[in-house]
Amino acid sequence: MSRRWPVLPVAAIAAVVASAAACGDPFVPRRAPVYGYADAFGDVFHWPPDRLPVRFFADPRGSMPSLVADGVRAWERQFLYGEFRGRLVGDSTAADVIVVWADSVPPAAEPDPGSPVVACGGVTQGILDSTGRAFAAPFRIEISILTGTVFTPAQVQACAHRVVIHELGHSLGVLREAPDTAAIMYAPPRVRQPAPIDRRTVQVLYHTPATLAPAPR
């Protein structure tokens, strides 16, 4: 049994608790909105503390190692207390998450700083074991380069930067797409880094009991 992300966008799970407190009354904090992170079956996944740092294998061709390293660091910065940490490994058989080019390897270039274009795509796959309560194998992320339209190498690299961070977010446990275009977990992503709403979402996720366990090492 396998599940593939991204899935179809869904409505955000957002709750803003507003309160007005008179002197001496209990104060209820204002809670910022987050989006849904459970998968379409309602299951929740995140890496437990005893599996940190999560081990990432990056396709050694082209810019993938630097893309994955930058993506892991981008997600680490979203956590206040080190709830997520990752490191790159050189052996795919020793990895928890495998990130590869699906087809062609784009030429190296400085990412285009201009308006985002959809020059690439990505998919994250997790295979469940026979119980349906744990993953049976490492997450596999495939990044594909679109060839139907001519894009510059710089545009392709900028797209790959965004999409790698997005797909790594799925491997962290954000199993749905964000409905907010400002979020890196929006599909296709339009921003270069996780946004405040991504940060709030993963912080809530990593303090929510998981119903899915990672694949055994």
N, C-alpha and C. Protein backbone atom coordinates (compact mmCIF):
# COMPACT_ATOMS: atom_id res chain seq x y z
N MET A 1 0.85 -1.19 0.00
CA MET A 1 0.00 0.00 0.00
C MET A 1 0.89 1.24 0.00
N SER A 2 0.62 2.16 -0.89
CA SER A 2 1.44 3.36 -0.93
C SER A 2 0.54 4.58 -0.95
N ARG A 3 1.09 5.66 -0.48
CA ARG A 3 0.41 6.95 -0.55
C ARG A 3 1.37 7.92 -1.20
N ARG A 4 0.84 8.76 -2.05
CA ARG A 4 1.67 9.70 -2.78
C ARG A 4 1.21 11.11 -2.47
N TRP A 5 2.18 11.98 -2.24
CA TRP A 5 1.89 13.37 -2.02
C TRP A 5 2.65 14.17 -3.08
N PRO A 6 2.17 15.27 -3.60
CA PRO A 6 1.04 16.00 -3.12
C PRO A 6 -0.31 15.39 -3.45
N VAL A 7 -1.33 15.77 -2.67
CA VAL A 7 -2.70 15.38 -2.91
C VAL A 7 -3.46 16.62 -3.33
N LEU A 8 -4.75 16.46 -3.60
CA LEU A 8 -5.55 17.61 -4.02
C LEU A 8 -5.63 18.62 -2.88
N PRO A 9 -5.59 19.92 -3.20
CA PRO A 9 -5.69 20.91 -2.13
C PRO A 9 -6.99 20.75 -1.36
N VAL A 10 -6.94 21.02 -0.08
CA VAL A 10 -8.11 20.94 0.77
C VAL A 10 -8.22 22.24 1.53
N ALA A 11 -9.38 22.44 2.13
CA ALA A 11 -9.59 23.64 2.94
C ALA A 11 -8.68 23.62 4.14
N ALA A 12 -8.19 24.77 4.53
CA ALA A 12 -7.28 24.84 5.68
C ALA A 12 -8.04 24.56 6.96
N ILE A 13 -7.31 23.94 7.89
CA ILE A 13 -7.83 23.82 9.24
C ILE A 13 -7.27 25.00 9.98
N ALA A 14 -8.11 26.02 10.20
CA ALA A 14 -7.61 27.23 10.81
C ALA A 14 -8.56 27.67 11.89
N ALA A 15 -8.02 28.08 12.99
CA ALA A 15 -8.84 28.56 14.08
C ALA A 15 -8.16 29.74 14.70
N VAL A 16 -8.86 30.83 14.77
CA VAL A 16 -8.34 32.01 15.42
C VAL A 16 -9.18 32.26 16.66
N VAL A 17 -8.57 32.16 17.80
CA VAL A 17 -9.28 32.36 19.05
C VAL A 17 -9.05 33.79 19.48
N ALA A 18 -10.11 34.58 19.45
CA ALA A 18 -10.00 35.98 19.83
C ALA A 18 -10.64 36.15 21.19
N SER A 19 -10.07 37.01 21.99
CA SER A 19 -10.64 37.22 23.30
C SER A 19 -10.38 38.64 23.74
N ALA A 20 -11.25 39.12 24.55
CA ALA A 20 -11.06 40.41 25.18
C ALA A 20 -11.10 40.17 26.67
N ALA A 21 -10.06 40.54 27.34
CA ALA A 21 -9.96 40.22 28.76
C ALA A 21 -10.04 41.49 29.58
N ALA A 22 -10.96 41.49 30.52
CA ALA A 22 -11.03 42.59 31.47
C ALA A 22 -10.00 42.35 32.56
N CYS A 23 -9.71 43.38 33.32
CA CYS A 23 -8.72 43.27 34.38
C CYS A 23 -9.11 42.17 35.34
N GLY A 24 -8.21 41.23 35.56
CA GLY A 24 -8.48 40.13 36.48
C GLY A 24 -9.09 38.91 35.83
N ASP A 25 -9.55 39.05 34.56
CA ASP A 25 -10.13 37.89 33.86
C ASP A 25 -9.01 37.04 33.28
N PRO A 26 -9.26 35.71 33.11
CA PRO A 26 -8.24 34.86 32.46
C PRO A 26 -7.98 35.34 31.05
N PHE A 27 -6.72 35.28 30.65
CA PHE A 27 -6.35 35.71 29.31
C PHE A 27 -6.23 34.49 28.41
N VAL A 28 -6.94 34.50 27.31
CA VAL A 28 -6.86 33.44 26.31
C VAL A 28 -6.03 33.96 25.15
N PRO A 29 -4.88 33.34 24.85
CA PRO A 29 -4.02 33.88 23.79
C PRO A 29 -4.67 33.79 22.43
N ARG A 30 -4.30 34.71 21.56
CA ARG A 30 -4.76 34.68 20.17
C ARG A 30 -3.91 33.65 19.43
N ARG A 31 -4.56 32.68 18.83
CA ARG A 31 -3.86 31.60 18.15
C ARG A 31 -3.86 31.86 16.64
N ALA A 32 -2.67 31.84 16.06
CA ALA A 32 -2.55 32.07 14.63
C ALA A 32 -3.03 30.84 13.86
N PRO A 33 -3.55 31.03 12.65
CA PRO A 33 -4.07 29.89 11.89
C PRO A 33 -2.96 28.99 11.38
N VAL A 34 -3.31 27.73 11.20
CA VAL A 34 -2.44 26.76 10.54
C VAL A 34 -3.26 26.08 9.46
N TYR A 35 -2.61 25.29 8.62
CA TYR A 35 -3.35 24.53 7.61
C TYR A 35 -3.28 23.05 7.95
N GLY A 36 -4.08 22.26 7.25
CA GLY A 36 -4.16 20.84 7.55
C GLY A 36 -2.89 20.11 7.19
N TYR A 37 -2.47 19.20 8.06
CA TYR A 37 -1.26 18.41 7.79
C TYR A 37 -1.52 16.92 7.76
N ALA A 38 -2.66 16.46 8.28
CA ALA A 38 -3.00 15.03 8.20
C ALA A 38 -3.27 14.65 6.76
N ASP A 39 -3.09 13.36 6.43
CA ASP A 39 -3.35 12.95 5.05
C ASP A 39 -4.84 12.78 4.82
N ALA A 40 -5.20 12.34 3.63
CA ALA A 40 -6.61 12.24 3.26
C ALA A 40 -7.36 11.22 4.11
N PHE A 41 -6.63 10.33 4.81
CA PHE A 41 -7.25 9.33 5.68
C PHE A 41 -7.30 9.80 7.14
N GLY A 42 -6.81 11.00 7.39
CA GLY A 42 -6.79 11.53 8.75
C GLY A 42 -5.59 11.11 9.56
N ASP A 43 -4.62 10.44 8.94
CA ASP A 43 -3.44 10.00 9.67
C ASP A 43 -2.41 11.12 9.80
N VAL A 44 -1.67 11.08 10.90
CA VAL A 44 -0.66 12.09 11.21
C VAL A 44 0.70 11.41 11.30
N PHE A 45 1.70 12.05 10.68
CA PHE A 45 3.06 11.53 10.75
C PHE A 45 4.02 12.65 11.08
N HIS A 46 4.97 12.37 11.93
CA HIS A 46 6.16 13.21 12.08
C HIS A 46 7.27 12.35 12.65
N TRP A 47 8.50 12.81 12.52
CA TRP A 47 9.64 12.04 12.98
C TRP A 47 9.75 12.13 14.50
N PRO A 48 9.83 10.99 15.19
CA PRO A 48 9.95 11.01 16.65
C PRO A 48 11.36 11.41 17.07
N PRO A 49 11.54 11.88 18.29
CA PRO A 49 12.86 12.33 18.74
C PRO A 49 13.95 11.28 18.61
N ASP A 50 13.58 10.00 18.81
CA ASP A 50 14.62 8.97 18.76
C ASP A 50 15.04 8.62 17.33
N ARG A 51 14.45 9.27 16.33
CA ARG A 51 14.87 9.04 14.94
C ARG A 51 15.59 10.27 14.36
N LEU A 52 15.95 11.21 15.20
CA LEU A 52 16.69 12.38 14.75
C LEU A 52 18.18 12.16 14.91
N PRO A 53 18.99 12.69 14.02
CA PRO A 53 18.60 13.43 12.82
C PRO A 53 18.08 12.49 11.73
N VAL A 54 17.09 12.96 10.99
CA VAL A 54 16.60 12.21 9.84
C VAL A 54 17.69 12.18 8.77
N ARG A 55 17.88 11.03 8.15
CA ARG A 55 18.96 10.84 7.18
C ARG A 55 18.43 11.01 5.75
N PHE A 56 19.02 11.96 5.02
CA PHE A 56 18.60 12.28 3.65
C PHE A 56 19.70 11.89 2.67
N PHE A 57 19.32 11.15 1.65
CA PHE A 57 20.23 10.86 0.54
C PHE A 57 19.81 11.72 -0.64
N ALA A 58 20.77 12.46 -1.22
CA ALA A 58 20.52 13.30 -2.39
C ALA A 58 21.22 12.71 -3.60
N ASP A 59 20.51 12.61 -4.69
CA ASP A 59 21.10 12.23 -5.97
C ASP A 59 22.39 13.04 -6.15
N PRO A 60 23.54 12.38 -6.37
CA PRO A 60 24.80 13.13 -6.44
C PRO A 60 24.97 13.95 -7.70
N ARG A 61 24.08 13.80 -8.66
CA ARG A 61 24.24 14.51 -9.93
C ARG A 61 23.72 15.94 -9.83
N GLY A 62 24.40 16.83 -10.52
CA GLY A 62 23.95 18.21 -10.61
C GLY A 62 23.90 18.90 -9.26
N SER A 63 22.89 19.73 -9.08
CA SER A 63 22.78 20.57 -7.88
C SER A 63 21.98 19.92 -6.76
N MET A 64 21.57 18.66 -6.94
CA MET A 64 20.69 18.06 -5.95
C MET A 64 21.27 18.06 -4.53
N PRO A 65 22.54 17.70 -4.32
CA PRO A 65 23.05 17.73 -2.93
C PRO A 65 22.88 19.09 -2.25
N SER A 66 23.18 20.17 -2.98
CA SER A 66 23.04 21.49 -2.36
C SER A 66 21.57 21.86 -2.19
N LEU A 67 20.71 21.45 -3.12
CA LEU A 67 19.29 21.72 -2.98
C LEU A 67 18.72 21.04 -1.74
N VAL A 68 19.10 19.78 -1.54
CA VAL A 68 18.58 19.05 -0.37
C VAL A 68 19.16 19.62 0.92
N ALA A 69 20.45 19.93 0.91
CA ALA A 69 21.07 20.50 2.12
C ALA A 69 20.40 21.82 2.48
N ASP A 70 20.16 22.67 1.49
CA ASP A 70 19.49 23.94 1.75
C ASP A 70 18.07 23.72 2.25
N GLY A 71 17.38 22.73 1.66
CA GLY A 71 16.01 22.45 2.08
C GLY A 71 15.92 21.94 3.50
N VAL A 72 16.83 21.06 3.87
CA VAL A 72 16.84 20.54 5.24
C VAL A 72 17.08 21.68 6.23
N ARG A 73 18.04 22.56 5.91
CA ARG A 73 18.31 23.69 6.80
C ARG A 73 17.11 24.63 6.88
N ALA A 74 16.42 24.82 5.76
CA ALA A 74 15.25 25.70 5.76
C ALA A 74 14.18 25.19 6.71
N TRP A 75 13.98 23.87 6.75
CA TRP A 75 12.98 23.31 7.65
C TRP A 75 13.48 23.29 9.09
N GLU A 76 14.74 23.04 9.30
CA GLU A 76 15.26 23.06 10.68
C GLU A 76 15.03 24.42 11.33
N ARG A 77 15.14 25.49 10.55
CA ARG A 77 14.97 26.84 11.09
C ARG A 77 13.55 27.13 11.54
N GLN A 78 12.60 26.29 11.17
CA GLN A 78 11.20 26.55 11.53
C GLN A 78 10.86 26.06 12.94
N PHE A 79 11.75 25.35 13.57
CA PHE A 79 11.47 24.75 14.88
C PHE A 79 12.21 25.49 15.98
N LEU A 80 11.52 25.68 17.09
CA LEU A 80 12.08 26.43 18.20
C LEU A 80 13.03 25.60 19.05
N TYR A 81 12.76 24.32 19.18
CA TYR A 81 13.48 23.50 20.15
C TYR A 81 14.13 22.27 19.53
N GLY A 82 14.45 22.33 18.25
CA GLY A 82 15.11 21.22 17.59
C GLY A 82 14.24 20.00 17.41
N GLU A 83 12.92 20.20 17.28
CA GLU A 83 12.03 19.06 17.10
C GLU A 83 12.32 18.29 15.81
N PHE A 84 12.91 18.97 14.84
CA PHE A 84 13.34 18.29 13.61
C PHE A 84 14.79 18.65 13.33
N ARG A 85 15.57 17.63 13.00
CA ARG A 85 16.94 17.82 12.54
C ARG A 85 17.23 16.78 11.45
N GLY A 86 18.02 17.16 10.47
CA GLY A 86 18.34 16.24 9.39
C GLY A 86 19.80 16.33 9.01
N ARG A 87 20.30 15.31 8.33
CA ARG A 87 21.67 15.33 7.81
C ARG A 87 21.71 14.52 6.53
N LEU A 88 22.64 14.88 5.66
CA LEU A 88 22.82 14.15 4.41
C LEU A 88 23.73 12.95 4.62
N VAL A 89 23.40 11.86 3.94
CA VAL A 89 24.23 10.66 3.97
C VAL A 89 24.57 10.28 2.53
N GLY A 90 25.68 9.61 2.35
CA GLY A 90 26.13 9.26 1.02
C GLY A 90 25.66 7.92 0.50
N ASP A 91 24.95 7.16 1.34
CA ASP A 91 24.50 5.82 0.98
C ASP A 91 22.99 5.77 1.01
N SER A 92 22.36 5.53 -0.12
CA SER A 92 20.90 5.53 -0.18
C SER A 92 20.29 4.41 0.66
N THR A 93 21.04 3.33 0.88
CA THR A 93 20.50 2.22 1.68
C THR A 93 20.48 2.55 3.17
N ALA A 94 21.13 3.64 3.56
CA ALA A 94 21.15 4.05 4.96
C ALA A 94 20.30 5.30 5.18
N ALA A 95 19.43 5.63 4.22
CA ALA A 95 18.66 6.87 4.27
C ALA A 95 17.23 6.63 4.72
N ASP A 96 16.67 7.65 5.34
CA ASP A 96 15.24 7.68 5.68
C ASP A 96 14.43 8.34 4.58
N VAL A 97 15.06 9.23 3.83
CA VAL A 97 14.42 9.95 2.72
C VAL A 97 15.41 9.97 1.56
N ILE A 98 14.94 9.58 0.38
CA ILE A 98 15.77 9.52 -0.82
C ILE A 98 15.23 10.55 -1.82
N VAL A 99 16.10 11.44 -2.29
CA VAL A 99 15.69 12.50 -3.22
C VAL A 99 16.48 12.34 -4.51
N VAL A 100 15.80 12.17 -5.62
CA VAL A 100 16.47 11.92 -6.90
C VAL A 100 15.82 12.73 -8.01
N TRP A 101 16.60 12.92 -9.08
CA TRP A 101 16.03 13.45 -10.31
C TRP A 101 15.20 12.34 -10.96
N ALA A 102 14.01 12.66 -11.42
CA ALA A 102 13.15 11.64 -12.04
C ALA A 102 13.59 11.34 -13.47
N ASP A 103 14.17 12.32 -14.13
CA ASP A 103 14.54 12.11 -15.53
C ASP A 103 15.84 12.84 -15.83
N SER A 104 15.76 14.00 -16.46
CA SER A 104 16.96 14.73 -16.83
C SER A 104 17.53 15.50 -15.65
N VAL A 105 18.83 15.78 -15.73
CA VAL A 105 19.52 16.57 -14.71
C VAL A 105 19.75 17.95 -15.28
N PRO A 106 19.20 19.00 -14.68
CA PRO A 106 19.34 20.34 -15.26
C PRO A 106 20.75 20.88 -15.08
N PRO A 107 21.17 21.76 -15.98
CA PRO A 107 22.50 22.36 -15.84
C PRO A 107 22.55 23.29 -14.63
N ALA A 108 23.73 23.39 -14.05
CA ALA A 108 23.90 24.26 -12.90
C ALA A 108 23.76 25.72 -13.31
N ALA A 109 23.13 26.50 -12.43
CA ALA A 109 22.94 27.93 -12.69
C ALA A 109 22.52 28.60 -11.41
N GLU A 110 22.76 29.90 -11.33
CA GLU A 110 22.24 30.65 -10.20
C GLU A 110 20.73 30.77 -10.36
N PRO A 111 19.96 30.49 -9.30
CA PRO A 111 18.50 30.56 -9.43
C PRO A 111 18.01 31.95 -9.86
N ASP A 112 17.06 31.95 -10.75
CA ASP A 112 16.47 33.19 -11.24
C ASP A 112 15.69 33.86 -10.10
N PRO A 113 15.97 35.14 -9.79
CA PRO A 113 15.26 35.81 -8.70
C PRO A 113 13.93 36.41 -9.11
N GLY A 114 13.55 36.25 -10.37
CA GLY A 114 12.32 36.85 -10.87
C GLY A 114 11.07 36.07 -10.49
N SER A 115 9.99 36.39 -11.17
CA SER A 115 8.70 35.75 -10.89
C SER A 115 8.81 34.24 -11.10
N PRO A 116 8.17 33.47 -10.23
CA PRO A 116 8.29 32.01 -10.34
C PRO A 116 7.59 31.47 -11.58
N VAL A 117 8.19 30.46 -12.18
CA VAL A 117 7.57 29.75 -13.29
C VAL A 117 7.57 28.27 -12.95
N VAL A 118 6.60 27.57 -13.48
CA VAL A 118 6.49 26.13 -13.22
C VAL A 118 7.34 25.40 -14.25
N ALA A 119 8.62 25.26 -13.92
CA ALA A 119 9.58 24.62 -14.82
C ALA A 119 9.93 23.22 -14.36
N CYS A 120 9.35 22.77 -13.26
CA CYS A 120 9.67 21.45 -12.73
C CYS A 120 8.49 20.97 -11.88
N GLY A 121 8.59 19.74 -11.43
CA GLY A 121 7.55 19.17 -10.59
C GLY A 121 8.16 18.19 -9.62
N GLY A 122 7.37 17.74 -8.67
CA GLY A 122 7.88 16.79 -7.70
C GLY A 122 6.78 15.92 -7.14
N VAL A 123 7.17 14.77 -6.64
CA VAL A 123 6.23 13.87 -5.99
C VAL A 123 6.97 13.16 -4.86
N THR A 124 6.27 12.95 -3.76
CA THR A 124 6.81 12.23 -2.62
C THR A 124 5.95 10.99 -2.40
N GLN A 125 6.59 9.84 -2.25
CA GLN A 125 5.87 8.59 -2.06
C GLN A 125 6.30 7.94 -0.77
N GLY A 126 5.30 7.49 -0.01
CA GLY A 126 5.55 6.69 1.18
C GLY A 126 4.78 5.39 1.08
N ILE A 127 5.43 4.28 1.31
CA ILE A 127 4.81 2.95 1.21
C ILE A 127 4.53 2.43 2.61
N LEU A 128 3.28 2.11 2.89
CA LEU A 128 2.90 1.60 4.20
C LEU A 128 3.11 0.09 4.28
N ASP A 129 3.34 -0.39 5.50
CA ASP A 129 3.48 -1.83 5.69
C ASP A 129 2.11 -2.49 5.74
N SER A 130 2.07 -3.79 6.00
CA SER A 130 0.82 -4.54 5.95
C SER A 130 -0.17 -4.11 7.02
N THR A 131 0.31 -3.50 8.10
CA THR A 131 -0.60 -3.05 9.15
C THR A 131 -1.28 -1.73 8.81
N GLY A 132 -0.68 -0.97 7.90
CA GLY A 132 -1.21 0.34 7.57
C GLY A 132 -0.93 1.38 8.63
N ARG A 133 -0.10 1.05 9.61
CA ARG A 133 0.17 1.97 10.72
C ARG A 133 1.61 2.44 10.73
N ALA A 134 2.43 1.99 9.80
CA ALA A 134 3.83 2.39 9.74
C ALA A 134 4.30 2.33 8.29
N PHE A 135 5.31 3.10 7.98
CA PHE A 135 5.90 3.06 6.65
C PHE A 135 6.85 1.88 6.55
N ALA A 136 6.88 1.26 5.39
CA ALA A 136 7.68 0.06 5.20
C ALA A 136 9.03 0.35 4.57
N ALA A 137 9.21 1.54 4.03
CA ALA A 137 10.43 1.87 3.30
C ALA A 137 10.68 3.36 3.42
N PRO A 138 11.87 3.80 3.08
CA PRO A 138 12.14 5.24 3.11
C PRO A 138 11.20 6.02 2.19
N PHE A 139 10.97 7.27 2.53
CA PHE A 139 10.26 8.16 1.62
C PHE A 139 11.12 8.33 0.37
N ARG A 140 10.47 8.42 -0.77
CA ARG A 140 11.17 8.65 -2.03
C ARG A 140 10.61 9.90 -2.68
N ILE A 141 11.47 10.83 -2.97
CA ILE A 141 11.09 12.09 -3.61
C ILE A 141 11.72 12.11 -5.00
N GLU A 142 10.91 12.40 -6.01
CA GLU A 142 11.40 12.50 -7.38
C GLU A 142 11.11 13.90 -7.90
N ILE A 143 12.14 14.55 -8.43
CA ILE A 143 12.03 15.88 -9.00
C ILE A 143 12.16 15.77 -10.51
N SER A 144 11.16 16.23 -11.22
CA SER A 144 11.16 16.14 -12.68
C SER A 144 11.28 17.54 -13.29
N ILE A 145 11.90 17.59 -14.46
CA ILE A 145 12.08 18.84 -15.19
C ILE A 145 11.10 18.85 -16.36
N LEU A 146 10.30 19.92 -16.46
CA LEU A 146 9.31 20.01 -17.52
C LEU A 146 9.97 20.45 -18.82
N THR A 147 9.62 19.80 -19.89
CA THR A 147 10.27 20.06 -21.17
C THR A 147 9.31 20.59 -22.23
N GLY A 148 8.04 20.76 -21.91
CA GLY A 148 7.09 21.22 -22.91
C GLY A 148 7.28 22.67 -23.30
N THR A 149 7.88 23.45 -22.41
CA THR A 149 8.14 24.87 -22.66
C THR A 149 9.62 25.12 -22.42
N VAL A 150 10.19 26.07 -23.13
CA VAL A 150 11.60 26.38 -22.96
C VAL A 150 11.77 27.32 -21.76
N PHE A 151 12.54 26.85 -20.78
CA PHE A 151 12.88 27.67 -19.63
C PHE A 151 14.39 27.83 -19.57
N THR A 152 14.82 28.91 -18.97
CA THR A 152 16.25 29.11 -18.83
C THR A 152 16.77 28.21 -17.71
N PRO A 153 18.07 27.87 -17.72
CA PRO A 153 18.63 27.10 -16.61
C PRO A 153 18.40 27.78 -15.27
N ALA A 154 18.44 29.10 -15.24
CA ALA A 154 18.22 29.82 -13.99
C ALA A 154 16.78 29.65 -13.50
N GLN A 155 15.83 29.67 -14.41
CA GLN A 155 14.43 29.45 -14.01
C GLN A 155 14.22 28.03 -13.50
N VAL A 156 14.87 27.06 -14.15
CA VAL A 156 14.75 25.67 -13.71
C VAL A 156 15.33 25.50 -12.32
N GLN A 157 16.49 26.10 -12.07
CA GLN A 157 17.09 25.96 -10.75
C GLN A 157 16.25 26.63 -9.67
N ALA A 158 15.66 27.77 -9.98
CA ALA A 158 14.79 28.42 -9.01
C ALA A 158 13.58 27.56 -8.70
N CYS A 159 13.02 26.94 -9.73
CA CYS A 159 11.89 26.05 -9.53
C CYS A 159 12.30 24.84 -8.69
N ALA A 160 13.44 24.25 -9.02
CA ALA A 160 13.90 23.08 -8.27
C ALA A 160 14.13 23.42 -6.80
N HIS A 161 14.65 24.60 -6.53
CA HIS A 161 14.86 25.05 -5.15
C HIS A 161 13.53 25.05 -4.40
N ARG A 162 12.50 25.64 -4.99
CA ARG A 162 11.19 25.71 -4.33
C ARG A 162 10.59 24.33 -4.15
N VAL A 163 10.65 23.52 -5.21
CA VAL A 163 9.96 22.23 -5.19
C VAL A 163 10.66 21.25 -4.25
N VAL A 164 11.98 21.28 -4.17
CA VAL A 164 12.67 20.39 -3.23
C VAL A 164 12.26 20.72 -1.80
N ILE A 165 12.22 21.99 -1.43
CA ILE A 165 11.79 22.35 -0.08
C ILE A 165 10.35 21.88 0.15
N HIS A 166 9.49 22.08 -0.84
CA HIS A 166 8.10 21.65 -0.74
C HIS A 166 8.00 20.14 -0.50
N GLU A 167 8.70 19.36 -1.31
CA GLU A 167 8.61 17.91 -1.18
C GLU A 167 9.25 17.43 0.13
N LEU A 168 10.32 18.08 0.56
CA LEU A 168 10.89 17.73 1.87
C LEU A 168 9.87 17.98 2.97
N GLY A 169 9.05 19.01 2.81
CA GLY A 169 7.99 19.25 3.79
C GLY A 169 7.04 18.08 3.91
N HIS A 170 6.72 17.43 2.78
CA HIS A 170 5.88 16.23 2.84
C HIS A 170 6.59 15.13 3.63
N SER A 171 7.89 14.97 3.41
CA SER A 171 8.61 13.91 4.12
C SER A 171 8.74 14.21 5.61
N LEU A 172 8.59 15.46 6.01
CA LEU A 172 8.58 15.81 7.43
C LEU A 172 7.25 15.46 8.09
N GLY A 173 6.20 15.34 7.27
CA GLY A 173 4.90 15.00 7.82
C GLY A 173 3.77 15.92 7.40
N VAL A 174 4.05 16.93 6.60
CA VAL A 174 2.97 17.77 6.07
C VAL A 174 2.40 17.04 4.86
N LEU A 175 1.37 16.27 5.09
CA LEU A 175 0.89 15.32 4.08
C LEU A 175 -0.21 15.90 3.19
N ARG A 176 -0.46 17.19 3.31
CA ARG A 176 -1.41 17.87 2.43
C ARG A 176 -0.77 19.14 1.90
N GLU A 177 -1.42 19.69 0.90
CA GLU A 177 -0.98 20.97 0.36
C GLU A 177 -1.60 22.10 1.17
N ALA A 178 -0.91 23.22 1.23
CA ALA A 178 -1.45 24.40 1.89
C ALA A 178 -2.37 25.15 0.93
N PRO A 179 -3.46 25.74 1.42
CA PRO A 179 -4.33 26.53 0.56
C PRO A 179 -3.86 27.97 0.39
N ASP A 180 -2.83 28.36 1.13
CA ASP A 180 -2.34 29.74 1.14
C ASP A 180 -1.19 29.87 0.14
N THR A 181 -1.32 30.75 -0.84
CA THR A 181 -0.29 30.91 -1.86
C THR A 181 1.02 31.43 -1.28
N ALA A 182 1.00 31.99 -0.08
CA ALA A 182 2.23 32.48 0.55
C ALA A 182 3.03 31.37 1.19
N ALA A 183 2.47 30.17 1.28
CA ALA A 183 3.14 29.04 1.94
C ALA A 183 3.99 28.27 0.95
N ILE A 184 5.12 27.75 1.43
CA ILE A 184 5.96 26.89 0.58
C ILE A 184 5.23 25.59 0.27
N MET A 185 4.26 25.21 1.10
CA MET A 185 3.53 23.97 0.88
C MET A 185 2.31 24.15 -0.01
N TYR A 186 2.15 25.33 -0.59
CA TYR A 186 1.17 25.52 -1.65
C TYR A 186 1.70 24.83 -2.90
N ALA A 187 0.80 24.31 -3.73
CA ALA A 187 1.23 23.61 -4.94
C ALA A 187 0.63 24.28 -6.19
N PRO A 188 1.51 24.63 -7.15
CA PRO A 188 2.97 24.60 -7.08
C PRO A 188 3.49 25.75 -6.22
N PRO A 189 4.60 25.55 -5.51
CA PRO A 189 5.07 26.59 -4.60
C PRO A 189 5.52 27.83 -5.37
N ARG A 190 5.19 28.98 -4.79
CA ARG A 190 5.55 30.25 -5.43
C ARG A 190 6.60 31.02 -4.66
N VAL A 191 6.89 30.59 -3.44
CA VAL A 191 7.84 31.30 -2.59
C VAL A 191 9.11 30.47 -2.43
N ARG A 192 10.19 31.13 -2.02
CA ARG A 192 11.49 30.47 -1.96
C ARG A 192 11.75 29.77 -0.63
N GLN A 193 11.04 30.14 0.41
CA GLN A 193 11.32 29.62 1.75
C GLN A 193 10.01 29.36 2.48
N PRO A 194 10.02 28.53 3.52
CA PRO A 194 8.82 28.38 4.35
C PRO A 194 8.38 29.73 4.91
N ALA A 195 7.08 29.92 4.92
CA ALA A 195 6.48 31.16 5.39
C ALA A 195 6.05 31.01 6.85
N PRO A 196 5.66 32.11 7.51
CA PRO A 196 5.19 32.00 8.89
C PRO A 196 4.07 30.97 9.08
N ILE A 197 3.18 30.83 8.11
CA ILE A 197 2.11 29.84 8.27
C ILE A 197 2.67 28.42 8.18
N ASP A 198 3.72 28.20 7.39
CA ASP A 198 4.38 26.89 7.38
C ASP A 198 5.02 26.62 8.73
N ARG A 199 5.66 27.63 9.30
CA ARG A 199 6.32 27.47 10.60
C ARG A 199 5.31 27.09 11.68
N ARG A 200 4.20 27.82 11.72
CA ARG A 200 3.19 27.52 12.74
C ARG A 200 2.63 26.11 12.55
N THR A 201 2.46 25.72 11.29
CA THR A 201 1.87 24.40 11.02
C THR A 201 2.78 23.28 11.48
N VAL A 202 4.08 23.34 11.14
CA VAL A 202 4.96 22.24 11.53
C VAL A 202 5.21 22.24 13.04
N GLN A 203 5.16 23.41 13.66
CA GLN A 203 5.32 23.43 15.11
C GLN A 203 4.14 22.74 15.79
N VAL A 204 2.93 22.97 15.28
CA VAL A 204 1.76 22.27 15.82
C VAL A 204 1.85 20.78 15.50
N LEU A 205 2.21 20.45 14.26
CA LEU A 205 2.32 19.05 13.84
C LEU A 205 3.24 18.27 14.77
N TYR A 206 4.41 18.82 15.06
CA TYR A 206 5.40 18.08 15.84
C TYR A 206 5.08 18.02 17.33
N HIS A 207 3.94 18.61 17.71
CA HIS A 207 3.45 18.46 19.09
C HIS A 207 2.06 17.81 19.08
N THR A 208 1.76 17.10 17.99
CA THR A 208 0.52 16.35 17.85
C THR A 208 0.84 14.86 17.81
N PRO A 209 0.13 14.01 18.55
CA PRO A 209 0.43 12.58 18.51
C PRO A 209 0.34 12.02 17.09
N ALA A 210 1.34 11.26 16.70
CA ALA A 210 1.36 10.65 15.38
C ALA A 210 0.58 9.35 15.37
N THR A 211 -0.05 9.05 14.25
CA THR A 211 -0.75 7.77 14.08
C THR A 211 0.01 6.86 13.11
N LEU A 212 1.03 7.38 12.44
CA LEU A 212 1.86 6.60 11.54
C LEU A 212 3.29 6.64 12.05
N ALA A 213 3.97 5.51 12.02
CA ALA A 213 5.35 5.41 12.47
C ALA A 213 6.29 5.36 11.26
N PRO A 214 7.54 5.81 11.43
CA PRO A 214 8.48 5.73 10.31
C PRO A 214 8.91 4.30 10.04
N ALA A 215 9.49 4.09 8.88
CA ALA A 215 10.01 2.77 8.53
C ALA A 215 11.15 2.41 9.49
N PRO A 216 11.25 1.13 9.87
CA PRO A 216 12.35 0.74 10.75
C PRO A 216 13.70 0.88 10.07
N ARG A 217 14.73 1.10 10.86
CA ARG A 217 16.08 1.20 10.32
C ARG A 217 16.73 -0.17 10.36
